[in-house]
N, C-alpha and C. Protein backbone atom coordinates (compact mmCIF):
# COMPACT_ATOMS: atom_id res chain seq x y z
N MET A 1 23.00 21.98 11.65
CA MET A 1 22.45 21.29 10.28
C MET A 1 21.06 21.61 9.91
N LEU A 2 20.27 21.89 11.22
CA LEU A 2 18.87 22.11 11.22
C LEU A 2 18.47 23.31 11.05
N GLU A 3 19.36 23.96 11.00
CA GLU A 3 18.73 25.59 11.04
C GLU A 3 19.55 25.47 9.49
N SER A 4 19.61 24.91 8.54
CA SER A 4 19.62 24.78 7.17
C SER A 4 18.19 23.88 6.56
N LEU A 5 18.08 23.10 6.94
CA LEU A 5 16.71 22.45 7.04
C LEU A 5 15.51 23.18 7.23
N GLY A 6 15.57 24.54 8.05
CA GLY A 6 14.59 25.19 8.38
C GLY A 6 13.74 24.29 9.37
N VAL A 7 14.23 23.89 10.22
CA VAL A 7 13.95 23.04 11.32
C VAL A 7 13.87 23.76 12.50
N HIS A 8 12.90 24.21 13.45
CA HIS A 8 13.27 24.44 14.50
C HIS A 8 12.42 23.91 15.76
N ASN A 9 12.18 24.25 17.04
CA ASN A 9 11.63 23.78 18.17
C ASN A 9 11.52 22.04 18.29
N LEU A 10 12.39 21.14 18.07
CA LEU A 10 12.45 19.96 17.67
C LEU A 10 12.13 19.23 18.85
N PRO A 11 12.65 19.85 20.05
CA PRO A 11 11.71 19.01 21.27
C PRO A 11 10.22 18.89 21.14
N LEU A 12 9.99 20.32 21.25
CA LEU A 12 8.29 20.45 21.19
C LEU A 12 8.02 19.65 20.23
N PHE A 13 8.13 19.49 18.73
CA PHE A 13 8.07 18.94 17.60
C PHE A 13 7.60 17.37 18.23
N VAL A 14 8.71 16.77 18.99
CA VAL A 14 8.97 15.29 19.54
C VAL A 14 7.50 15.19 20.29
N ALA A 15 7.46 15.95 21.20
CA ALA A 15 6.60 15.93 22.74
C ALA A 15 5.00 16.18 21.71
N ALA A 16 4.91 17.07 20.91
CA ALA A 16 3.41 17.43 20.47
C ALA A 16 2.72 16.10 19.52
N GLY A 17 4.20 15.86 18.96
CA GLY A 17 3.76 14.50 17.96
C GLY A 17 3.51 13.13 18.72
N LEU A 18 4.03 12.95 20.08
CA LEU A 18 3.74 11.69 20.69
C LEU A 18 2.40 12.31 20.93
N LEU A 19 2.04 13.05 21.32
CA LEU A 19 1.04 13.26 22.20
C LEU A 19 -0.18 13.20 21.05
N LEU A 20 0.09 13.42 19.87
CA LEU A 20 -0.81 13.02 19.11
C LEU A 20 -0.95 11.47 18.52
N ASN A 21 0.22 10.76 18.60
CA ASN A 21 0.28 9.58 18.39
C ASN A 21 -0.51 8.46 19.16
N ILE A 22 -0.47 9.05 20.58
CA ILE A 22 -1.20 8.30 21.87
C ILE A 22 -2.90 8.44 21.83
N THR A 23 -3.15 9.31 20.81
CA THR A 23 -4.51 9.88 21.02
C THR A 23 -5.10 8.68 20.09
N PRO A 24 -6.13 8.33 20.65
CA PRO A 24 -7.14 7.08 19.81
C PRO A 24 -7.59 7.56 18.67
N GLY A 25 -7.66 6.84 17.89
CA GLY A 25 -8.49 7.08 16.75
C GLY A 25 -8.62 5.83 15.42
N ALA A 26 -8.29 6.29 14.27
CA ALA A 26 -8.37 4.75 13.48
C ALA A 26 -7.75 4.05 13.22
N ASP A 27 -5.91 4.71 13.73
CA ASP A 27 -5.16 3.68 13.81
C ASP A 27 -5.20 2.88 14.90
N MET A 28 -5.67 3.23 15.81
CA MET A 28 -5.45 2.21 16.90
C MET A 28 -6.68 1.60 16.73
N LEU A 29 -7.82 1.94 16.22
CA LEU A 29 -8.78 0.68 16.35
C LEU A 29 -8.47 -0.26 14.96
N TYR A 30 -7.70 0.06 14.09
CA TYR A 30 -7.37 -0.90 13.05
C TYR A 30 -6.25 -2.26 14.26
N VAL A 31 -5.41 -1.36 14.17
CA VAL A 31 -4.08 -2.24 15.18
C VAL A 31 -5.17 -2.91 16.31
N ALA A 32 -6.12 -2.56 17.15
CA ALA A 32 -6.37 -3.17 18.45
C ALA A 32 -7.15 -4.48 17.18
N SER A 33 -8.28 -4.21 16.10
CA SER A 33 -8.91 -5.11 15.85
C SER A 33 -8.18 -6.28 15.44
N HIS A 34 -6.77 -6.68 14.77
CA HIS A 34 -6.41 -7.43 14.27
C HIS A 34 -5.55 -8.07 15.30
N ALA A 35 -5.11 -7.11 16.89
CA ALA A 35 -4.76 -7.64 18.07
C ALA A 35 -5.59 -8.57 18.24
N ALA A 36 -7.21 -7.94 18.79
CA ALA A 36 -8.00 -9.09 19.05
C ALA A 36 -8.05 -10.29 18.25
N SER A 37 -8.38 -10.20 17.05
CA SER A 37 -8.36 -11.28 16.45
C SER A 37 -7.25 -12.46 15.97
N GLY A 38 -6.10 -12.00 16.18
CA GLY A 38 -5.01 -12.42 15.84
C GLY A 38 -3.85 -12.13 16.45
N GLY A 39 -4.13 -11.77 17.77
CA GLY A 39 -3.01 -11.79 19.11
C GLY A 39 -1.80 -10.87 18.28
N ARG A 40 -0.71 -10.89 18.85
CA ARG A 40 0.41 -10.05 19.03
C ARG A 40 1.12 -10.15 17.73
N ARG A 41 1.08 -10.96 17.08
CA ARG A 41 1.99 -10.80 15.76
C ARG A 41 1.11 -9.75 14.85
N ALA A 42 -0.11 -10.48 14.57
CA ALA A 42 -1.16 -9.79 13.84
C ALA A 42 -1.29 -8.26 14.36
N GLY A 43 -1.21 -7.72 15.58
CA GLY A 43 -1.25 -6.39 16.00
C GLY A 43 0.16 -5.90 15.75
N LEU A 44 1.28 -6.14 15.53
CA LEU A 44 2.51 -5.99 15.42
C LEU A 44 2.47 -5.08 14.01
N LEU A 45 1.75 -6.57 13.19
CA LEU A 45 1.88 -6.57 11.48
C LEU A 45 0.74 -5.08 10.91
N ALA A 46 -0.11 -4.77 11.84
CA ALA A 46 -1.21 -3.90 11.40
C ALA A 46 -0.13 -2.78 11.49
N ALA A 47 0.49 -2.27 13.25
CA ALA A 47 1.20 -1.37 13.20
C ALA A 47 2.20 -1.04 12.11
N LEU A 48 2.65 -2.28 12.05
CA LEU A 48 3.74 -1.78 10.47
C LEU A 48 3.16 -1.02 9.25
N GLY A 49 1.90 -1.95 9.41
CA GLY A 49 1.60 -1.51 7.80
C GLY A 49 0.59 0.11 7.67
N ILE A 50 0.13 0.76 8.91
CA ILE A 50 0.01 1.54 9.20
C ILE A 50 1.11 2.61 9.21
N GLY A 51 2.53 2.55 9.75
CA GLY A 51 3.72 3.53 9.66
C GLY A 51 3.53 3.65 7.92
N ALA A 52 3.48 2.65 7.39
CA ALA A 52 3.92 2.34 5.83
C ALA A 52 2.83 3.52 5.26
N GLY A 53 1.96 3.48 5.59
CA GLY A 53 1.01 4.11 5.12
C GLY A 53 1.06 5.81 5.46
N CYS A 54 1.47 5.63 6.70
CA CYS A 54 2.05 7.31 7.04
C CYS A 54 3.15 7.88 5.91
N LEU A 55 4.22 6.72 5.77
CA LEU A 55 5.26 7.14 5.09
C LEU A 55 4.90 7.26 3.54
N PHE A 56 4.27 7.09 3.31
CA PHE A 56 3.37 7.44 2.17
C PHE A 56 3.16 8.93 1.79
N HIS A 57 2.33 9.63 2.79
CA HIS A 57 1.76 10.55 2.78
C HIS A 57 3.20 11.83 3.21
N VAL A 58 4.10 11.28 4.22
CA VAL A 58 5.31 12.12 3.84
C VAL A 58 6.17 12.17 2.71
N ALA A 59 6.30 11.34 2.27
CA ALA A 59 6.86 11.38 0.17
C ALA A 59 5.49 12.31 -0.37
N LEU A 60 4.75 12.33 -0.22
CA LEU A 60 3.50 12.85 -1.17
C LEU A 60 3.48 14.65 -0.80
N ALA A 61 3.86 14.78 0.56
CA ALA A 61 3.90 16.07 1.60
C ALA A 61 5.41 16.87 0.71
N THR A 62 6.33 15.83 0.96
CA THR A 62 7.57 16.61 0.57
C THR A 62 7.70 16.73 -1.06
N VAL A 63 7.62 16.26 -1.41
CA VAL A 63 7.32 16.74 -3.21
C VAL A 63 6.14 17.35 -3.60
N GLY A 64 5.02 17.61 -2.87
CA GLY A 64 4.26 18.93 -2.71
C GLY A 64 3.02 18.04 -3.74
N LEU A 65 2.98 16.64 -3.15
CA LEU A 65 1.23 16.57 -3.89
C LEU A 65 0.52 16.78 -3.09
N SER A 66 0.80 16.72 -1.92
CA SER A 66 -0.62 16.87 -0.90
C SER A 66 -1.14 18.39 -0.91
N ALA A 67 -0.11 19.57 -1.44
CA ALA A 67 -0.92 20.50 -1.55
C ALA A 67 -1.91 20.54 -2.84
N LEU A 68 -1.79 19.70 -3.36
CA LEU A 68 -2.96 19.39 -4.42
C LEU A 68 -3.97 18.96 -3.66
N LEU A 69 -4.10 18.28 -3.31
CA LEU A 69 -5.21 17.70 -2.20
C LEU A 69 -5.99 18.81 -1.61
N ALA A 70 -4.84 19.79 -0.58
CA ALA A 70 -5.53 20.60 -0.27
C ALA A 70 -6.44 21.95 -1.16
N SER A 71 -5.55 21.86 -2.28
CA SER A 71 -6.24 23.07 -3.11
C SER A 71 -7.29 22.72 -4.36
N SER A 72 -7.12 21.72 -4.42
CA SER A 72 -8.10 21.00 -5.23
C SER A 72 -9.15 20.20 -4.76
N GLU A 73 -10.76 20.69 -4.84
CA GLU A 73 -11.62 19.91 -4.16
C GLU A 73 -11.77 18.67 -4.96
N LEU A 74 -11.66 18.58 -6.39
CA LEU A 74 -11.70 17.66 -7.07
C LEU A 74 -11.04 15.80 -6.23
N ALA A 75 -9.63 16.66 -6.24
CA ALA A 75 -8.66 15.65 -6.11
C ALA A 75 -8.87 15.38 -4.44
N PHE A 76 -9.36 16.30 -3.48
CA PHE A 76 -9.51 16.03 -2.32
C PHE A 76 -10.81 14.83 -2.08
N ASN A 77 -11.80 15.17 -2.50
CA ASN A 77 -13.17 14.53 -2.98
C ASN A 77 -12.98 12.84 -3.38
N LEU A 78 -12.20 13.00 -4.44
CA LEU A 78 -12.19 11.65 -5.35
C LEU A 78 -11.30 10.70 -4.40
N VAL A 79 -10.03 11.22 -3.38
CA VAL A 79 -9.94 10.26 -2.53
C VAL A 79 -10.27 10.40 -1.20
N LYS A 80 -11.38 11.08 -1.00
CA LYS A 80 -11.91 10.97 0.20
C LYS A 80 -12.85 9.78 -0.08
N TRP A 81 -13.79 9.63 -0.92
CA TRP A 81 -14.69 8.48 -1.34
C TRP A 81 -13.93 7.19 -1.84
N VAL A 82 -12.70 7.03 -2.18
CA VAL A 82 -11.93 6.29 -2.36
C VAL A 82 -11.94 5.45 -0.89
N GLY A 83 -11.33 6.50 -0.15
CA GLY A 83 -10.89 6.08 1.26
C GLY A 83 -11.94 5.45 2.13
N ALA A 84 -13.05 6.52 2.02
CA ALA A 84 -14.21 6.07 2.91
C ALA A 84 -14.82 4.85 2.45
N GLY A 85 -15.05 4.44 1.05
CA GLY A 85 -15.43 3.19 0.34
C GLY A 85 -14.98 2.00 0.93
N TYR A 86 -13.47 2.04 1.05
CA TYR A 86 -12.46 1.57 1.54
C TYR A 86 -12.82 0.83 2.89
N LEU A 87 -12.95 1.43 3.95
CA LEU A 87 -13.60 1.63 5.37
C LEU A 87 -14.47 0.75 5.22
N VAL A 88 -15.69 1.35 4.39
CA VAL A 88 -17.08 0.68 5.30
C VAL A 88 -17.15 -0.81 3.93
N TRP A 89 -15.97 -1.12 3.16
CA TRP A 89 -15.86 -2.69 2.61
C TRP A 89 -15.47 -3.57 3.82
N MET A 90 -14.85 -2.46 4.05
CA MET A 90 -13.72 -3.53 5.61
C MET A 90 -14.44 -3.78 6.41
N GLY A 91 -15.27 -2.94 7.10
CA GLY A 91 -16.18 -2.85 8.23
C GLY A 91 -17.30 -3.75 7.82
N ILE A 92 -17.83 -3.85 6.65
CA ILE A 92 -18.73 -4.88 6.12
C ILE A 92 -18.55 -6.34 6.14
N GLY A 93 -17.08 -6.54 5.46
CA GLY A 93 -16.30 -7.81 5.83
C GLY A 93 -16.23 -8.41 7.56
N MET A 94 -15.76 -7.44 8.04
CA MET A 94 -15.57 -8.05 9.49
C MET A 94 -17.04 -8.32 10.33
N LEU A 95 -17.88 -7.30 9.97
CA LEU A 95 -19.35 -7.46 10.10
C LEU A 95 -19.87 -8.54 10.20
N ARG A 96 -19.58 -9.68 8.90
CA ARG A 96 -19.96 -11.06 8.34
C ARG A 96 -19.46 -11.79 8.33
N ALA A 97 -18.39 -11.09 9.45
CA ALA A 97 -17.41 -12.67 9.75
C ALA A 97 -18.11 -13.73 10.63
N SER A 98 -17.29 -15.51 10.11
CA SER A 98 -18.10 -16.53 10.74
C SER A 98 -17.14 -16.91 12.17
N PRO A 99 -17.32 -17.89 12.75
CA PRO A 99 -16.81 -18.32 13.56
C PRO A 99 -15.00 -18.80 13.06
N GLY A 100 -15.58 -19.44 11.64
CA GLY A 100 -14.33 -19.82 10.88
C GLY A 100 -13.42 -18.80 10.40
N ASP A 101 -13.94 -17.60 10.36
CA ASP A 101 -13.00 -16.58 9.71
C ASP A 101 -12.10 -16.33 10.96
N ALA A 102 -12.51 -16.41 12.49
CA ALA A 102 -12.22 -15.74 13.37
C ALA A 102 -11.04 -16.45 13.57
N ARG A 103 -11.26 -17.90 13.64
CA ARG A 103 -10.33 -18.82 13.84
C ARG A 103 -9.23 -19.11 12.59
N GLU A 104 -9.47 -18.62 11.42
CA GLU A 104 -8.31 -18.20 10.73
C GLU A 104 -7.49 -17.06 11.00
N ALA A 105 -8.14 -16.38 11.72
CA ALA A 105 -7.53 -14.90 11.99
C ALA A 105 -6.18 -14.88 13.02
N VAL A 106 -6.58 -16.17 13.84
CA VAL A 106 -5.33 -16.40 14.64
C VAL A 106 -4.17 -16.67 14.05
N ALA A 107 -3.98 -17.38 12.93
CA ALA A 107 -2.91 -17.11 11.83
C ALA A 107 -2.99 -16.20 10.81
N PRO A 108 -3.06 -15.00 10.76
CA PRO A 108 -3.42 -14.18 9.64
C PRO A 108 -2.40 -14.26 8.52
N ASP A 109 -2.94 -13.74 7.22
CA ASP A 109 -2.14 -13.57 6.10
C ASP A 109 -1.80 -12.55 6.21
N VAL A 110 0.10 -12.54 6.41
CA VAL A 110 0.87 -11.49 6.78
C VAL A 110 0.87 -10.08 5.75
N ARG A 111 0.69 -10.52 4.44
CA ARG A 111 0.71 -9.30 3.59
C ARG A 111 -1.18 -8.56 3.30
N ARG A 112 -1.50 -9.56 3.90
CA ARG A 112 -3.39 -8.80 3.97
C ARG A 112 -3.48 -8.06 5.03
N VAL A 113 -2.85 -8.72 6.31
CA VAL A 113 -2.84 -7.30 7.38
C VAL A 113 -2.33 -6.29 7.45
N PHE A 114 -0.75 -6.56 6.48
CA PHE A 114 -0.02 -5.40 6.05
C PHE A 114 -0.56 -3.85 5.32
N TRP A 115 -0.87 -4.94 4.08
CA TRP A 115 -1.68 -3.80 3.04
C TRP A 115 -2.85 -3.49 3.15
N ARG A 116 -3.51 -3.97 4.44
CA ARG A 116 -5.32 -3.31 4.60
C ARG A 116 -4.35 -1.78 5.67
N GLY A 117 -3.52 -2.17 6.45
CA GLY A 117 -2.99 -1.47 7.11
C GLY A 117 -2.11 0.40 6.53
N VAL A 118 -1.52 -0.43 5.51
CA VAL A 118 -1.13 0.62 4.01
C VAL A 118 -2.30 1.69 3.73
N LEU A 119 -3.10 1.13 3.36
CA LEU A 119 -4.50 1.34 2.87
C LEU A 119 -5.32 2.30 3.57
N THR A 120 -5.19 1.53 4.53
CA THR A 120 -6.24 2.21 5.72
C THR A 120 -5.60 3.93 6.24
N ASN A 121 -4.62 4.20 5.85
CA ASN A 121 -3.57 5.63 5.99
C ASN A 121 -3.95 5.84 5.21
N ALA A 122 -3.25 5.36 3.87
CA ALA A 122 -2.79 6.00 2.62
C ALA A 122 -3.98 6.36 1.61
N LEU A 123 -5.03 5.90 1.86
CA LEU A 123 -6.42 6.47 1.34
C LEU A 123 -7.40 7.42 2.23
N ASN A 124 -6.80 8.40 3.39
CA ASN A 124 -7.13 9.12 3.85
C ASN A 124 -6.67 10.70 3.54
N PRO A 125 -7.38 11.56 2.83
CA PRO A 125 -6.44 12.75 2.32
C PRO A 125 -6.52 13.32 3.74
N LYS A 126 -7.27 13.45 4.57
CA LYS A 126 -6.67 14.18 5.97
C LYS A 126 -5.60 13.48 6.39
N VAL A 127 -4.91 13.06 6.65
CA VAL A 127 -3.63 12.51 7.16
C VAL A 127 -2.82 13.49 6.05
N ALA A 128 -2.80 13.63 4.92
CA ALA A 128 -2.18 14.69 4.24
C ALA A 128 -2.01 15.90 4.63
N LEU A 129 -3.58 16.53 4.47
CA LEU A 129 -4.00 17.54 5.13
C LEU A 129 -3.17 17.99 6.73
N PHE A 130 -3.05 16.72 7.57
CA PHE A 130 -2.33 17.20 8.77
C PHE A 130 -1.43 17.35 8.53
N PHE A 131 -0.25 16.61 7.82
CA PHE A 131 1.06 16.98 7.20
C PHE A 131 1.23 18.44 7.01
N LEU A 132 0.45 18.68 6.35
CA LEU A 132 0.77 20.43 5.78
C LEU A 132 -0.14 20.88 6.86
N ALA A 133 -0.57 20.62 7.24
CA ALA A 133 -0.66 21.80 8.86
C ALA A 133 0.09 22.35 9.95
N PHE A 134 0.74 20.67 10.35
CA PHE A 134 1.29 20.15 11.05
C PHE A 134 2.83 20.66 11.27
N LEU A 135 3.50 20.03 10.02
CA LEU A 135 5.01 20.04 10.11
C LEU A 135 5.41 21.51 9.49
N PRO A 136 4.87 22.47 8.75
CA PRO A 136 5.10 23.68 9.01
C PRO A 136 5.60 24.89 10.15
N GLN A 137 4.67 24.72 11.18
CA GLN A 137 4.58 25.13 12.37
C GLN A 137 5.97 24.80 13.08
N PHE A 138 6.53 23.90 12.45
CA PHE A 138 8.43 23.93 12.73
C PHE A 138 9.28 23.77 11.67
N MET A 139 9.03 24.43 10.97
CA MET A 139 10.03 24.98 9.98
C MET A 139 9.94 26.31 9.63
N THR A 140 11.26 26.69 9.03
CA THR A 140 11.48 28.53 8.73
C THR A 140 11.02 28.18 7.14
N PRO A 141 9.75 29.35 6.90
CA PRO A 141 9.54 29.54 5.35
C PRO A 141 10.64 29.65 4.21
N ASP A 142 11.49 30.34 4.47
CA ASP A 142 12.75 30.59 3.87
C ASP A 142 13.70 29.69 3.84
N ALA A 143 14.11 28.50 4.15
CA ALA A 143 15.35 28.04 4.52
C ALA A 143 15.38 26.86 3.23
N PRO A 144 16.70 27.23 3.03
CA PRO A 144 17.22 26.46 1.47
C PRO A 144 17.40 24.91 1.13
N HIS A 145 17.04 24.59 2.11
CA HIS A 145 16.66 22.96 2.17
C HIS A 145 15.59 22.70 2.54
N GLN A 146 14.30 23.37 2.42
CA GLN A 146 13.19 23.08 3.19
C GLN A 146 12.57 21.42 3.14
N ALA A 147 12.44 20.96 1.63
CA ALA A 147 11.59 19.79 1.51
C ALA A 147 12.79 18.91 2.38
N LEU A 148 14.00 18.43 2.51
CA LEU A 148 14.79 17.76 3.35
C LEU A 148 14.20 17.89 4.94
N GLY A 149 14.00 19.47 5.35
CA GLY A 149 13.48 19.40 6.56
C GLY A 149 11.83 18.63 7.00
N PHE A 150 11.37 19.15 6.07
CA PHE A 150 9.78 18.28 5.77
C PHE A 150 9.88 16.90 5.96
N ALA A 151 10.68 16.13 4.84
CA ALA A 151 11.16 14.66 5.30
C ALA A 151 11.65 14.63 6.35
N LEU A 152 12.40 15.17 7.00
CA LEU A 152 12.93 14.75 8.41
C LEU A 152 11.75 14.58 9.65
N LEU A 153 11.08 15.94 9.32
CA LEU A 153 9.73 15.79 10.65
C LEU A 153 8.73 14.83 10.18
N GLY A 154 8.39 14.58 9.06
CA GLY A 154 7.95 13.28 8.70
C GLY A 154 8.35 12.26 9.18
N LEU A 155 9.28 11.71 8.99
CA LEU A 155 9.97 10.25 9.33
C LEU A 155 10.04 10.63 10.96
N ILE A 156 10.32 11.84 11.24
CA ILE A 156 10.69 11.58 13.17
C ILE A 156 9.24 11.19 13.74
N PHE A 157 8.11 12.09 12.79
CA PHE A 157 7.03 11.57 13.36
C PHE A 157 6.04 10.35 12.85
N THR A 158 6.58 9.68 11.85
CA THR A 158 5.93 8.25 11.74
C THR A 158 6.80 6.95 12.38
N VAL A 159 8.20 7.24 12.80
CA VAL A 159 8.85 6.57 13.19
C VAL A 159 8.58 6.58 15.14
N ASN A 160 8.46 7.55 15.25
CA ASN A 160 7.62 7.47 17.23
C ASN A 160 6.35 6.86 16.62
N GLY A 161 5.48 7.45 15.97
CA GLY A 161 3.81 6.87 15.95
C GLY A 161 3.74 5.73 15.97
N THR A 162 4.62 4.71 14.83
CA THR A 162 5.55 3.71 14.91
C THR A 162 5.22 2.80 15.93
N LEU A 163 6.12 3.14 16.43
CA LEU A 163 6.77 2.75 18.18
C LEU A 163 5.60 2.42 18.78
N VAL A 164 4.57 3.81 18.65
CA VAL A 164 3.73 3.50 19.27
C VAL A 164 2.28 2.64 19.28
N THR A 165 2.31 2.81 18.15
CA THR A 165 1.51 1.48 17.70
C THR A 165 1.63 0.03 17.65
N LEU A 166 3.00 0.31 17.69
CA LEU A 166 3.72 -1.40 17.54
C LEU A 166 3.34 -1.78 19.59
N ALA A 167 4.13 -0.66 20.20
CA ALA A 167 3.95 -0.85 21.93
C ALA A 167 1.95 -1.39 22.03
N PHE A 168 1.07 -0.34 21.50
CA PHE A 168 -0.05 -0.91 21.91
C PHE A 168 -0.55 -2.24 21.16
N GLY A 169 0.01 -2.64 19.72
CA GLY A 169 -0.34 -3.72 19.42
C GLY A 169 0.26 -4.89 19.84
N TRP A 170 1.55 -5.12 20.70
CA TRP A 170 1.99 -5.96 21.73
C TRP A 170 1.05 -6.07 22.80
N LEU A 171 0.43 -4.69 23.22
CA LEU A 171 -0.15 -4.62 24.51
C LEU A 171 -1.26 -5.53 24.54
N ALA A 172 -2.01 -4.98 23.34
CA ALA A 172 -3.27 -5.49 22.61
C ALA A 172 -3.34 -7.01 22.73
N GLY A 173 -2.68 -7.33 21.87
CA GLY A 173 -2.42 -9.05 21.61
C GLY A 173 -2.17 -9.89 22.58
N THR A 174 -1.35 -9.23 23.67
CA THR A 174 -1.15 -10.33 24.93
C THR A 174 -2.29 -10.01 25.46
N ALA A 175 -2.96 -9.30 25.56
CA ALA A 175 -4.23 -9.22 26.43
C ALA A 175 -5.16 -9.93 25.97
N CYS A 176 -5.63 -10.09 24.44
CA CYS A 176 -6.50 -10.80 23.62
C CYS A 176 -6.39 -12.41 24.01
N GLU A 177 -5.01 -12.80 23.97
CA GLU A 177 -4.52 -13.99 23.74
C GLU A 177 -4.76 -14.54 24.91
N ARG A 178 -4.24 -13.97 25.82
CA ARG A 178 -4.91 -14.62 27.29
C ARG A 178 -6.14 -14.81 27.50
N LEU A 179 -6.87 -13.51 27.25
CA LEU A 179 -8.43 -13.59 27.22
C LEU A 179 -9.10 -14.61 26.88
N ALA A 180 -8.71 -14.67 25.40
CA ALA A 180 -9.24 -16.10 24.21
C ALA A 180 -8.76 -17.11 25.27
N GLY A 181 -7.52 -17.43 25.54
CA GLY A 181 -6.80 -18.69 26.67
C GLY A 181 -8.07 -18.93 27.46
N ARG A 182 -8.71 -18.22 28.58
CA ARG A 182 -9.57 -18.47 29.37
C ARG A 182 -11.24 -18.42 29.06
N LEU A 183 -11.16 -18.04 27.73
CA LEU A 183 -12.84 -18.03 27.49
C LEU A 183 -12.68 -18.97 25.72
N GLN A 184 -13.71 -18.93 25.26
CA GLN A 184 -13.69 -19.59 23.71
C GLN A 184 -13.09 -18.52 22.76
N GLY A 185 -11.99 -18.76 22.13
CA GLY A 185 -11.29 -18.17 21.93
C GLY A 185 -11.67 -17.46 20.53
N SER A 186 -12.52 -18.53 19.75
CA SER A 186 -13.03 -18.15 18.47
C SER A 186 -14.10 -17.28 18.62
N GLN A 187 -14.96 -17.18 19.62
CA GLN A 187 -16.33 -16.06 19.75
C GLN A 187 -15.63 -15.03 20.63
N VAL A 188 -14.84 -14.85 21.41
CA VAL A 188 -14.08 -13.65 21.58
C VAL A 188 -13.60 -12.84 20.21
N GLY A 189 -12.70 -13.45 19.93
CA GLY A 189 -12.47 -12.95 18.37
C GLY A 189 -13.18 -12.77 17.30
N LEU A 190 -14.52 -13.02 17.05
CA LEU A 190 -15.49 -12.80 16.57
C LEU A 190 -16.22 -11.85 16.96
N TRP A 191 -17.23 -11.58 18.03
CA TRP A 191 -17.14 -10.32 18.60
C TRP A 191 -16.37 -9.25 18.51
N LEU A 192 -15.30 -9.11 19.02
CA LEU A 192 -14.21 -8.28 19.09
C LEU A 192 -14.57 -7.67 17.74
N GLN A 193 -14.35 -8.42 16.60
CA GLN A 193 -14.05 -8.19 15.07
C GLN A 193 -15.07 -7.51 14.61
N ARG A 194 -16.35 -8.11 14.85
CA ARG A 194 -17.70 -7.76 14.50
C ARG A 194 -17.89 -6.01 14.96
N ALA A 195 -17.26 -6.05 16.08
CA ALA A 195 -17.33 -4.57 16.96
C ALA A 195 -16.58 -4.02 16.13
N ALA A 196 -15.56 -4.21 15.89
CA ALA A 196 -14.32 -3.12 15.02
C ALA A 196 -15.19 -2.61 13.67
N GLY A 197 -15.74 -3.84 13.11
CA GLY A 197 -16.42 -3.95 11.53
C GLY A 197 -17.15 -2.68 11.61
N ALA A 198 -18.40 -2.48 12.73
CA ALA A 198 -19.17 -1.37 13.04
C ALA A 198 -18.67 -0.02 12.93
N MET A 199 -17.25 -0.50 13.82
CA MET A 199 -16.71 1.13 14.08
C MET A 199 -16.27 1.47 12.52
N PHE A 200 -15.45 0.55 12.09
CA PHE A 200 -14.80 0.97 10.70
C PHE A 200 -16.32 1.94 9.48
N ILE A 201 -16.96 0.97 9.92
CA ILE A 201 -18.05 1.53 8.92
C ILE A 201 -18.66 3.15 9.31
N GLY A 202 -18.49 3.06 11.06
CA GLY A 202 -18.68 4.74 11.28
C GLY A 202 -17.84 5.57 10.64
N LEU A 203 -16.16 5.16 10.42
CA LEU A 203 -15.38 6.23 10.59
C LEU A 203 -15.25 6.36 9.00
N GLY A 204 -15.74 5.53 7.64
CA GLY A 204 -16.32 5.62 6.48
C GLY A 204 -17.33 6.44 6.12
N VAL A 205 -18.11 6.90 6.90
CA VAL A 205 -19.06 7.61 6.94
C VAL A 205 -18.18 9.10 7.25
N LYS A 206 -17.82 8.67 8.13
CA LYS A 206 -17.52 9.96 9.00
C LYS A 206 -16.48 11.00 7.80
N LEU A 207 -15.83 10.16 7.17
CA LEU A 207 -14.83 10.73 6.62
C LEU A 207 -15.38 11.06 5.29
N ALA A 208 -16.56 10.54 4.57
CA ALA A 208 -17.62 10.56 3.58
C ALA A 208 -18.14 12.04 3.89
N ALA A 209 -18.36 11.94 4.71
CA ALA A 209 -19.26 13.22 5.16
C ALA A 209 -18.44 14.56 5.70
N GLY A 210 -17.51 14.37 5.25
CA GLY A 210 -15.99 15.58 6.04
C GLY A 210 -15.65 16.21 5.04
N SER A 211 -15.41 17.52 5.11
CA SER A 211 -15.02 18.31 4.44
C SER A 211 -13.23 18.64 4.40
N ARG A 212 -12.71 19.29 3.54
CA ARG A 212 -11.17 19.65 3.99
C ARG A 212 -11.41 20.82 4.84
């Protein structure tokens, strides 16, 4: 069946994908920032949002729209600037957080945490380019059902990545809940949130300065 989909070296793909998934990046930072301020529940919701954003790019790559970002400088720059602006906006909001905001984050808005995670991934055009560069290495170009094979590999990568970020969110949230129990929880969450905000601004600037 995998041959008809053009998929080969699946174990190697899974191993390489897991190595990439455990590499620290914007996804881990987003999960960590919410786990720090809202505990395990917020970390898990953030991880699910990141996974959903990744599925968005899998869908785009499967239907070929990601190729537009790779071939069109205008489309790439448009998505890039929107994504960079969103990261900077979110970072500024974290920097301006008050102790009251940190206390409210202990019981976070489910939809806000989830959809921020979706947008953090969906508005990054480099994620789309990553799929276009990485997945074809494990596919046969002339396979009869190549689109289905592309979707299968994308789903495997996303599921594995989501499991990794869920585990990270749970561990980070547990550690921060215990730390907040020993120290002044609102102040700990506040400063961790501000630190994450500064890093998100840096990621937004880096994205804006990057090229295809």
